[in-house]
PDB file of all heavy atoms in Angstrom:
ATOM      1  N   LEU A   1     110.940  23.358 137.204  1.00  0.00           N
ATOM      2  CA  LEU A   1     110.610  24.341 136.191  1.00  0.00           C
ATOM      3  C   LEU A   1     110.916  25.715 136.585  1.00  0.00           C
ATOM      4  O   LEU A   1     111.258  25.999 137.696  1.00  0.00           O
ATOM      5  CB  LEU A   1     109.020  24.203 135.860  1.00  0.00           C
ATOM      6  CG  LEU A   1     108.066  24.392 137.056  1.00  0.00           C
ATOM      7  CD1 LEU A   1     107.704  25.831 137.226  1.00  0.00           C
ATOM      8  CD2 LEU A   1     106.898  23.582 136.846  1.00  0.00           C
ATOM      9  N   ILE A   2     110.884  26.595 135.610  1.00  0.00           N
ATOM     10  CA  ILE A   2     111.195  28.057 135.807  1.00  0.00           C
ATOM     11  C   ILE A   2     109.878  28.750 135.564  1.00  0.00           C
ATOM     12  O   ILE A   2     109.318  28.646 134.455  1.00  0.00           O
ATOM     13  CB  ILE A   2     112.260  28.564 134.924  1.00  0.00           C
ATOM     14  CG1 ILE A   2     113.605  27.783 135.090  1.00  0.00           C
ATOM     15  CG2 ILE A   2     112.444  30.054 135.141  1.00  0.00           C
ATOM     16  CD1 ILE A   2     114.600  28.094 134.025  1.00  0.00           C
ATOM     17  N   SER A   3     109.405  29.447 136.548  1.00  0.00           N
ATOM     18  CA  SER A   3     108.156  30.216 136.376  1.00  0.00           C
ATOM     19  C   SER A   3     108.547  31.669 136.422  1.00  0.00           C
ATOM     20  O   SER A   3     109.133  32.119 137.375  1.00  0.00           O
ATOM     21  CB  SER A   3     107.199  29.859 137.527  1.00  0.00           C
ATOM     22  OG  SER A   3     105.931  30.416 137.235  1.00  0.00           O
ATOM     23  N   LEU A   4     108.260  32.394 135.369  1.00  0.00           N
ATOM     24  CA  LEU A   4     108.662  33.791 135.227  1.00  0.00           C
ATOM     25  C   LEU A   4     107.463  34.744 135.331  1.00  0.00           C
ATOM     26  O   LEU A   4     106.355  34.268 135.548  1.00  0.00           O
ATOM     27  CB  LEU A   4     109.392  33.988 133.922  1.00  0.00           C
ATOM     28  CG  LEU A   4     110.672  33.090 133.745  1.00  0.00           C
ATOM     29  CD1 LEU A   4     111.123  33.191 132.329  1.00  0.00           C
ATOM     30  CD2 LEU A   4     111.698  33.485 134.690  1.00  0.00           C
ATOM     31  N   LEU A   5     107.713  35.987 135.188  1.00  0.00           N
ATOM     32  CA  LEU A   5     106.678  36.994 135.273  1.00  0.00           C
ATOM     33  C   LEU A   5     105.540  36.693 134.272  1.00  0.00           C
ATOM     34  O   LEU A   5     105.786  36.288 133.138  1.00  0.00           O
ATOM     35  CB  LEU A   5     107.222  38.401 134.929  1.00  0.00           C
ATOM     36  CG  LEU A   5     108.343  38.885 135.940  1.00  0.00           C
ATOM     37  CD1 LEU A   5     108.907  40.159 135.393  1.00  0.00           C
ATOM     38  CD2 LEU A   5     107.726  39.050 137.318  1.00  0.00           C
ATOM     39  N   GLN A   6     104.370  36.950 134.728  1.00  0.00           N
ATOM     40  CA  GLN A   6     103.231  36.877 133.858  1.00  0.00           C
ATOM     41  C   GLN A   6     102.844  38.152 133.284  1.00  0.00           C
ATOM     42  O   GLN A   6     102.873  39.215 133.868  1.00  0.00           O
ATOM     43  CB  GLN A   6     101.999  36.364 134.672  1.00  0.00           C
ATOM     44  CG  GLN A   6     102.214  34.948 135.197  1.00  0.00           C
ATOM     45  CD  GLN A   6     102.560  33.946 134.135  1.00  0.00           C
ATOM     46  OE1 GLN A   6     101.764  33.735 133.279  1.00  0.00           O
ATOM     47  NE2 GLN A   6     103.801  33.405 134.128  1.00  0.00           N
ATOM     48  N   PRO A   7     102.397  38.181 131.984  1.00  0.00           N
ATOM     49  CA  PRO A   7     101.987  39.468 131.363  1.00  0.00           C
ATOM     50  C   PRO A   7     100.661  39.870 132.020  1.00  0.00           C
ATOM     51  O   PRO A   7      99.887  39.079 132.498  1.00  0.00           O
ATOM     52  CB  PRO A   7     101.757  39.101 129.910  1.00  0.00           C
ATOM     53  CG  PRO A   7     101.535  37.555 129.914  1.00  0.00           C
ATOM     54  CD  PRO A   7     102.322  37.049 131.032  1.00  0.00           C
ATOM     55  N   MET A   8     100.463  41.179 132.039  1.00  0.00           N
ATOM     56  CA  MET A   8      99.233  41.774 132.614  1.00  0.00           C
ATOM     57  C   MET A   8      98.129  41.481 131.670  1.00  0.00           C
ATOM     58  O   MET A   8      98.202  41.542 130.459  1.00  0.00           O
ATOM     59  CB  MET A   8      99.391  43.233 132.767  1.00  0.00           C
ATOM     60  CG  MET A   8      98.209  43.989 133.257  1.00  0.00           C
ATOM     61  SD  MET A   8      97.789  43.556 134.929  1.00  0.00           S
ATOM     62  CE  MET A   8      99.019  44.512 135.881  1.00  0.00           C
ATOM     63  N   GLU A   9      96.970  41.035 132.227  1.00  0.00           N
ATOM     64  CA  GLU A   9      95.819  40.784 131.488  1.00  0.00           C
ATOM     65  C   GLU A   9      94.694  41.659 132.072  1.00  0.00           C
ATOM     66  O   GLU A   9      94.586  41.783 133.257  1.00  0.00           O
ATOM     67  CB  GLU A   9      95.338  39.329 131.563  1.00  0.00           C
ATOM     68  CG  GLU A   9      96.092  38.382 130.713  1.00  0.00           C
ATOM     69  CD  GLU A   9      95.459  36.989 130.766  1.00  0.00           C
ATOM     70  OE1 GLU A   9      94.366  36.802 131.344  1.00  0.00           O
ATOM     71  OE2 GLU A   9      96.096  36.050 130.225  1.00  0.00           O
ATOM     72  N   CYS A  10      93.963  42.283 131.220  1.00  0.00           N
ATOM     73  CA  CYS A  10      92.791  43.096 131.620  1.00  0.00           C
ATOM     74  C   CYS A  10      91.581  42.549 131.015  1.00  0.00           C
ATOM     75  O   CYS A  10      91.528  42.149 129.860  1.00  0.00           O
ATOM     76  CB  CYS A  10      92.950  44.538 131.147  1.00  0.00           C
ATOM     77  SG  CYS A  10      94.411  45.420 131.881  1.00  0.00           S
ATOM     78  N   VAL A  11      90.524  42.429 131.882  1.00  0.00           N
ATOM     79  CA  VAL A  11      89.262  41.897 131.395  1.00  0.00           C
ATOM     80  C   VAL A  11      88.277  43.036 131.631  1.00  0.00           C
ATOM     81  O   VAL A  11      88.096  43.486 132.804  1.00  0.00           O
ATOM     82  CB  VAL A  11      88.808  40.641 132.123  1.00  0.00           C
ATOM     83  CG1 VAL A  11      87.457  40.136 131.673  1.00  0.00           C
ATOM     84  CG2 VAL A  11      89.862  39.547 131.932  1.00  0.00           C
ATOM     85  N   LEU A  12      87.639  43.456 130.617  1.00  0.00           N
ATOM     86  CA  LEU A  12      86.590  44.565 130.719  1.00  0.00           C
ATOM     87  C   LEU A  12      85.169  44.018 130.446  1.00  0.00           C
ATOM     88  O   LEU A  12      84.969  43.183 129.510  1.00  0.00           O
ATOM     89  CB  LEU A  12      86.886  45.654 129.725  1.00  0.00           C
ATOM     90  CG  LEU A  12      88.257  46.319 129.791  1.00  0.00           C
ATOM     91  CD1 LEU A  12      88.407  47.301 128.662  1.00  0.00           C
ATOM     92  CD2 LEU A  12      88.523  46.941 131.123  1.00  0.00           C
ATOM     93  N   TYR A  13      84.217  44.327 131.318  1.00  0.00           N
ATOM     94  CA  TYR A  13      82.877  43.940 131.148  1.00  0.00           C
ATOM     95  C   TYR A  13      81.944  44.924 131.773  1.00  0.00           C
ATOM     96  O   TYR A  13      82.384  45.786 132.585  1.00  0.00           O
ATOM     97  CB  TYR A  13      82.706  42.512 131.666  1.00  0.00           C
ATOM     98  CG  TYR A  13      83.000  42.333 133.158  1.00  0.00           C
ATOM     99  CD1 TYR A  13      82.052  42.403 134.122  1.00  0.00           C
ATOM    100  CD2 TYR A  13      84.351  42.105 133.593  1.00  0.00           C
ATOM    101  CE1 TYR A  13      82.366  42.270 135.501  1.00  0.00           C
ATOM    102  CE2 TYR A  13      84.671  41.961 134.893  1.00  0.00           C
ATOM    103  CZ  TYR A  13      83.671  42.044 135.881  1.00  0.00           C
ATOM    104  OH  TYR A  13      84.005  41.945 137.172  1.00  0.00           O
ATOM    105  N   GLN A  14      80.767  44.882 131.421  1.00  0.00           N
ATOM    106  CA  GLN A  14      79.738  45.826 131.889  1.00  0.00           C
ATOM    107  C   GLN A  14      79.418  45.630 133.398  1.00  0.00           C
ATOM    108  O   GLN A  14      79.449  44.510 133.852  1.00  0.00           O
ATOM    109  CB  GLN A  14      78.448  45.720 131.085  1.00  0.00           C
ATOM    110  CG  GLN A  14      78.534  46.094 129.663  1.00  0.00           C
ATOM    111  CD  GLN A  14      78.864  47.517 129.427  1.00  0.00           C
ATOM    112  OE1 GLN A  14      78.636  48.400 130.329  1.00  0.00           O
ATOM    113  NE2 GLN A  14      79.351  47.869 128.228  1.00  0.00           N
ATOM    114  N   PRO A  15      79.232  46.661 134.150  1.00  0.00           N
ATOM    115  CA  PRO A  15      78.935  46.583 135.622  1.00  0.00           C
ATOM    116  C   PRO A  15      77.617  45.852 135.864  1.00  0.00           C
ATOM    117  O   PRO A  15      77.426  45.350 136.964  1.00  0.00           O
ATOM    118  CB  PRO A  15      78.938  48.005 136.117  1.00  0.00           C
ATOM    119  CG  PRO A  15      78.709  48.844 134.914  1.00  0.00           C
ATOM    120  CD  PRO A  15      79.271  48.124 133.724  1.00  0.00           C
ATOM    121  N   TRP A  16      76.737  45.776 134.943  1.00  0.00           N
ATOM    122  CA  TRP A  16      75.490  45.109 135.130  1.00  0.00           C
ATOM    123  C   TRP A  16      75.584  43.612 134.835  1.00  0.00           C
ATOM    124  O   TRP A  16      74.622  42.846 135.054  1.00  0.00           O
ATOM    125  CB  TRP A  16      74.386  45.748 134.255  1.00  0.00           C
ATOM    126  CG  TRP A  16      74.740  46.179 132.927  1.00  0.00           C
ATOM    127  CD1 TRP A  16      75.058  47.433 132.467  1.00  0.00           C
ATOM    128  CD2 TRP A  16      74.840  45.304 131.763  1.00  0.00           C
ATOM    129  NE1 TRP A  16      75.364  47.394 131.140  1.00  0.00           N
ATOM    130  CE2 TRP A  16      75.209  46.158 130.679  1.00  0.00           C
ATOM    131  CE3 TRP A  16      74.593  43.957 131.545  1.00  0.00           C
ATOM    132  CZ2 TRP A  16      75.384  45.665 129.364  1.00  0.00           C
ATOM    133  CZ3 TRP A  16      74.767  43.466 130.230  1.00  0.00           C
ATOM    134  CH2 TRP A  16      75.162  44.354 129.164  1.00  0.00           C
ATOM    135  N   PHE A  17      76.737  43.154 134.339  1.00  0.00           N
ATOM    136  CA  PHE A  17      76.917  41.733 134.052  1.00  0.00           C
ATOM    137  C   PHE A  17      77.429  41.071 135.355  1.00  0.00           C
ATOM    138  O   PHE A  17      78.568  41.330 135.742  1.00  0.00           O
ATOM    139  CB  PHE A  17      77.958  41.575 132.928  1.00  0.00           C
ATOM    140  CG  PHE A  17      78.147  40.117 132.499  1.00  0.00           C
ATOM    141  CD1 PHE A  17      77.028  39.355 132.125  1.00  0.00           C
ATOM    142  CD2 PHE A  17      79.348  39.579 132.347  1.00  0.00           C
ATOM    143  CE1 PHE A  17      77.290  38.081 131.688  1.00  0.00           C
ATOM    144  CE2 PHE A  17      79.554  38.340 131.880  1.00  0.00           C
ATOM    145  CZ  PHE A  17      78.507  37.535 131.583  1.00  0.00           C
ATOM    146  N   LYS A  18      76.638  40.347 136.026  1.00  0.00           N
ATOM    147  CA  LYS A  18      76.947  39.812 137.361  1.00  0.00           C
ATOM    148  C   LYS A  18      77.354  38.374 137.305  1.00  0.00           C
ATOM    149  O   LYS A  18      76.972  37.585 136.444  1.00  0.00           O
ATOM    150  CB  LYS A  18      75.702  39.926 138.303  1.00  0.00           C
ATOM    151  CG  LYS A  18      75.214  41.365 138.423  1.00  0.00           C
ATOM    152  CD  LYS A  18      76.241  42.189 139.086  1.00  0.00           C
ATOM    153  CE  LYS A  18      75.823  43.641 139.361  1.00  0.00           C
ATOM    154  NZ  LYS A  18      76.774  44.442 139.985  1.00  0.00           N
ATOM    155  N   GLY A  19      78.129  37.980 138.345  1.00  0.00           N
ATOM    156  CA  GLY A  19      78.548  36.602 138.510  1.00  0.00           C
ATOM    157  C   GLY A  19      79.876  36.368 137.770  1.00  0.00           C
ATOM    158  O   GLY A  19      80.477  35.314 137.844  1.00  0.00           O
ATOM    159  N   TYR A  20      80.320  37.357 136.997  1.00  0.00           N
ATOM    160  CA  TYR A  20      81.651  37.231 136.271  1.00  0.00           C
ATOM    161  C   TYR A  20      82.641  38.143 136.829  1.00  0.00           C
ATOM    162  O   TYR A  20      82.431  39.267 137.096  1.00  0.00           O
ATOM    163  CB  TYR A  20      81.361  37.644 134.774  1.00  0.00           C
ATOM    164  CG  TYR A  20      82.650  37.583 133.895  1.00  0.00           C
ATOM    165  CD1 TYR A  20      83.113  36.312 133.573  1.00  0.00           C
ATOM    166  CD2 TYR A  20      83.232  38.716 133.452  1.00  0.00           C
ATOM    167  CE1 TYR A  20      84.259  36.234 132.839  1.00  0.00           C
ATOM    168  CE2 TYR A  20      84.384  38.635 132.679  1.00  0.00           C
ATOM    169  CZ  TYR A  20      84.908  37.397 132.364  1.00  0.00           C
ATOM    170  OH  TYR A  20      86.042  37.363 131.544  1.00  0.00           O
ATOM    171  N   ASP A  21      83.823  37.568 137.150  1.00  0.00           N
ATOM    172  CA  ASP A  21      84.938  38.341 137.711  1.00  0.00           C
ATOM    173  C   ASP A  21      86.185  38.167 136.890  1.00  0.00           C
ATOM    174  O   ASP A  21      87.247  38.112 137.490  1.00  0.00           O
ATOM    175  CB  ASP A  21      85.052  37.875 139.173  1.00  0.00           C
ATOM    176  CG  ASP A  21      83.897  38.292 140.039  1.00  0.00           C
ATOM    177  OD1 ASP A  21      83.529  39.470 139.967  1.00  0.00           O
ATOM    178  OD2 ASP A  21      83.435  37.448 140.831  1.00  0.00           O
ATOM    179  N   GLY A  22      86.048  37.995 135.644  1.00  0.00           N
ATOM    180  CA  GLY A  22      87.235  37.849 134.784  1.00  0.00           C
ATOM    181  C   GLY A  22      87.787  36.427 134.742  1.00  0.00           C
ATOM    182  O   GLY A  22      88.876  36.213 134.378  1.00  0.00           O
ATOM    183  N   GLN A  23      86.936  35.420 135.043  1.00  0.00           N
ATOM    184  CA  GLN A  23      87.439  34.020 134.965  1.00  0.00           C
ATOM    185  C   GLN A  23      87.939  33.728 133.691  1.00  0.00           C
ATOM    186  O   GLN A  23      87.352  33.970 132.607  1.00  0.00           O
ATOM    187  CB  GLN A  23      86.297  33.060 135.365  1.00  0.00           C
ATOM    188  CG  GLN A  23      85.762  33.168 136.762  1.00  0.00           C
ATOM    189  CD  GLN A  23      84.550  34.054 136.822  1.00  0.00           C
ATOM    190  OE1 GLN A  23      84.449  35.075 136.075  1.00  0.00           O
ATOM    191  NE2 GLN A  23      83.655  33.825 137.752  1.00  0.00           N
ATOM    192  N   ARG A  24      89.142  33.211 133.657  1.00  0.00           N
ATOM    193  CA  ARG A  24      89.839  32.917 132.371  1.00  0.00           C
ATOM    194  C   ARG A  24      89.007  31.996 131.405  1.00  0.00           C
ATOM    195  O   ARG A  24      88.608  30.898 131.766  1.00  0.00           O
ATOM    196  CB  ARG A  24      91.176  32.194 132.718  1.00  0.00           C
ATOM    197  CG  ARG A  24      92.011  31.974 131.551  1.00  0.00           C
ATOM    198  CD  ARG A  24      93.347  31.435 131.986  1.00  0.00           C
ATOM    199  NE  ARG A  24      94.245  31.154 130.904  1.00  0.00           N
ATOM    200  CZ  ARG A  24      94.523  29.887 130.527  1.00  0.00           C
ATOM    201  NH1 ARG A  24      94.004  28.865 131.189  1.00  0.00           N
ATOM    202  NH2 ARG A  24      95.333  29.695 129.533  1.00  0.00           N
ATOM    203  N   ASP A  25      88.771  32.465 130.239  1.00  0.00           N
ATOM    204  CA  ASP A  25      88.095  31.707 129.143  1.00  0.00           C
ATOM    205  C   ASP A  25      86.685  31.325 129.527  1.00  0.00           C
ATOM    206  O   ASP A  25      86.107  30.456 128.866  1.00  0.00           O
ATOM    207  CB  ASP A  25      88.962  30.477 128.796  1.00  0.00           C
ATOM    208  CG  ASP A  25      90.291  30.842 128.292  1.00  0.00           C
ATOM    209  OD1 ASP A  25      90.437  31.971 127.634  1.00  0.00           O
ATOM    210  OD2 ASP A  25      91.248  30.022 128.491  1.00  0.00           O
ATOM    211  N   ALA A  26      86.073  31.951 130.549  1.00  0.00           N
ATOM    212  CA  ALA A  26      84.706  31.494 130.926  1.00  0.00           C
ATOM    213  C   ALA A  26      83.722  31.864 129.869  1.00  0.00           C
ATOM    214  O   ALA A  26      82.708  31.188 129.778  1.00  0.00           O
ATOM    215  CB  ALA A  26      84.317  32.136 132.281  1.00  0.00           C
ATOM    216  N   LEU A  27      83.924  32.894 129.078  1.00  0.00           N
ATOM    217  CA  LEU A  27      82.986  33.309 128.099  1.00  0.00           C
ATOM    218  C   LEU A  27      83.293  32.804 126.669  1.00  0.00           C
ATOM    219  O   LEU A  27      82.401  32.616 125.908  1.00  0.00           O
ATOM    220  CB  LEU A  27      82.829  34.831 128.069  1.00  0.00           C
ATOM    221  CG  LEU A  27      82.358  35.545 129.388  1.00  0.00           C
ATOM    222  CD1 LEU A  27      82.508  37.005 129.284  1.00  0.00           C
ATOM    223  CD2 LEU A  27      80.988  35.032 129.736  1.00  0.00           C
ATOM    224  N   THR A  28      84.523  32.583 126.455  1.00  0.00           N
ATOM    225  CA  THR A  28      84.947  32.173 125.094  1.00  0.00           C
ATOM    226  C   THR A  28      85.342  30.791 124.917  1.00  0.00           C
ATOM    227  O   THR A  28      85.225  30.271 123.808  1.00  0.00           O
ATOM    228  CB  THR A  28      86.166  33.020 124.689  1.00  0.00           C
ATOM    229  OG1 THR A  28      87.259  32.712 125.455  1.00  0.00           O
ATOM    230  CG2 THR A  28      85.885  34.513 124.689  1.00  0.00           C
ATOM    231  N   GLY A  29      85.763  30.079 125.963  1.00  0.00           N
ATOM    232  CA  GLY A  29      86.195  28.731 125.844  1.00  0.00           C
ATOM    233  C   GLY A  29      87.471  28.665 124.972  1.00  0.00           C
ATOM    234  O   GLY A  29      87.728  27.707 124.244  1.00  0.00           O
ATOM    235  N   ALA A  30      88.289  29.714 125.037  1.00  0.00           N
ATOM    236  CA  ALA A  30      89.449  29.865 124.200  1.00  0.00           C
ATOM    237  C   ALA A  30      90.460  28.686 124.324  1.00  0.00           C
ATOM    238  O   ALA A  30      91.114  28.318 123.371  1.00  0.00           O
ATOM    239  CB  ALA A  30      90.206  31.179 124.446  1.00  0.00           C
ATOM    240  N   ASP A  31      90.550  28.087 125.495  1.00  0.00           N
ATOM    241  CA  ASP A  31      91.387  26.921 125.610  1.00  0.00           C
ATOM    242  C   ASP A  31      90.570  25.664 125.526  1.00  0.00           C
ATOM    243  O   ASP A  31      90.945  24.596 126.055  1.00  0.00           O
ATOM    244  CB  ASP A  31      92.059  26.955 127.078  1.00  0.00           C
ATOM    245  CG  ASP A  31      93.217  27.839 127.092  1.00  0.00           C
ATOM    246  OD1 ASP A  31      93.744  28.204 126.022  1.00  0.00           O
ATOM    247  OD2 ASP A  31      93.708  28.203 128.163  1.00  0.00           O
ATOM    248  N   GLY A  32      89.466  25.749 124.828  1.00  0.00           N
ATOM    249  CA  GLY A  32      88.593  24.571 124.636  1.00  0.00           C
ATOM    250  C   GLY A  32      87.303  24.848 125.477  1.00  0.00           C
ATOM    251  O   GLY A  32      87.307  25.685 126.345  1.00  0.00           O
ATOM    252  N   PRO A  33      86.319  24.054 125.194  1.00  0.00           N
ATOM    253  CA  PRO A  33      85.004  24.330 125.752  1.00  0.00           C
ATOM    254  C   PRO A  33      84.857  23.779 127.288  1.00  0.00           C
ATOM    255  O   PRO A  33      83.779  23.815 127.800  1.00  0.00           O
ATOM    256  CB  PRO A  33      84.000  23.622 124.897  1.00  0.00           C
ATOM    257  CG  PRO A  33      84.854  22.522 124.311  1.00  0.00           C
ATOM    258  CD  PRO A  33      86.235  23.098 124.165  1.00  0.00           C
ATOM    259  N   HIS A  34      85.944  23.287 127.844  1.00  0.00           N
ATOM    260  CA  HIS A  34      85.837  22.643 129.153  1.00  0.00           C
ATOM    261  C   HIS A  34      85.316  23.563 130.236  1.00  0.00           C
ATOM    262  O   HIS A  34      84.797  23.035 131.231  1.00  0.00           O
ATOM    263  CB  HIS A  34      87.223  22.082 129.552  1.00  0.00           C
ATOM    264  CG  HIS A  34      88.283  23.116 129.652  1.00  0.00           C
ATOM    265  ND1 HIS A  34      88.914  23.681 128.603  1.00  0.00           N
ATOM    266  CD2 HIS A  34      88.845  23.694 130.798  1.00  0.00           C
ATOM    267  CE1 HIS A  34      89.789  24.594 129.089  1.00  0.00           C
ATOM    268  NE2 HIS A  34      89.742  24.556 130.400  1.00  0.00           N
ATOM    269  N   LEU A  35      85.382  24.862 130.126  1.00  0.00           N
ATOM    270  CA  LEU A  35      84.844  25.723 131.190  1.00  0.00           C
ATOM    271  C   LEU A  35      83.409  26.207 130.836  1.00  0.00           C
ATOM    272  O   LEU A  35      82.724  26.748 131.743  1.00  0.00           O
ATOM    273  CB  LEU A  35      85.750  26.862 131.482  1.00  0.00           C
ATOM    274  CG  LEU A  35      87.105  26.515 131.988  1.00  0.00           C
ATOM    275  CD1 LEU A  35      87.917  27.816 132.191  1.00  0.00           C
ATOM    276  CD2 LEU A  35      86.962  25.829 133.353  1.00  0.00           C
TER     277      LEU A  35
END
């Protein structure tokens, strides 16, 4: 396969929201509810 550059992603959240470090789809389940 060919793996190319990834687009930059920014995740913003409140500093008082703990345990979250920008895990992909952890809050939305955008790729399905598996997470």
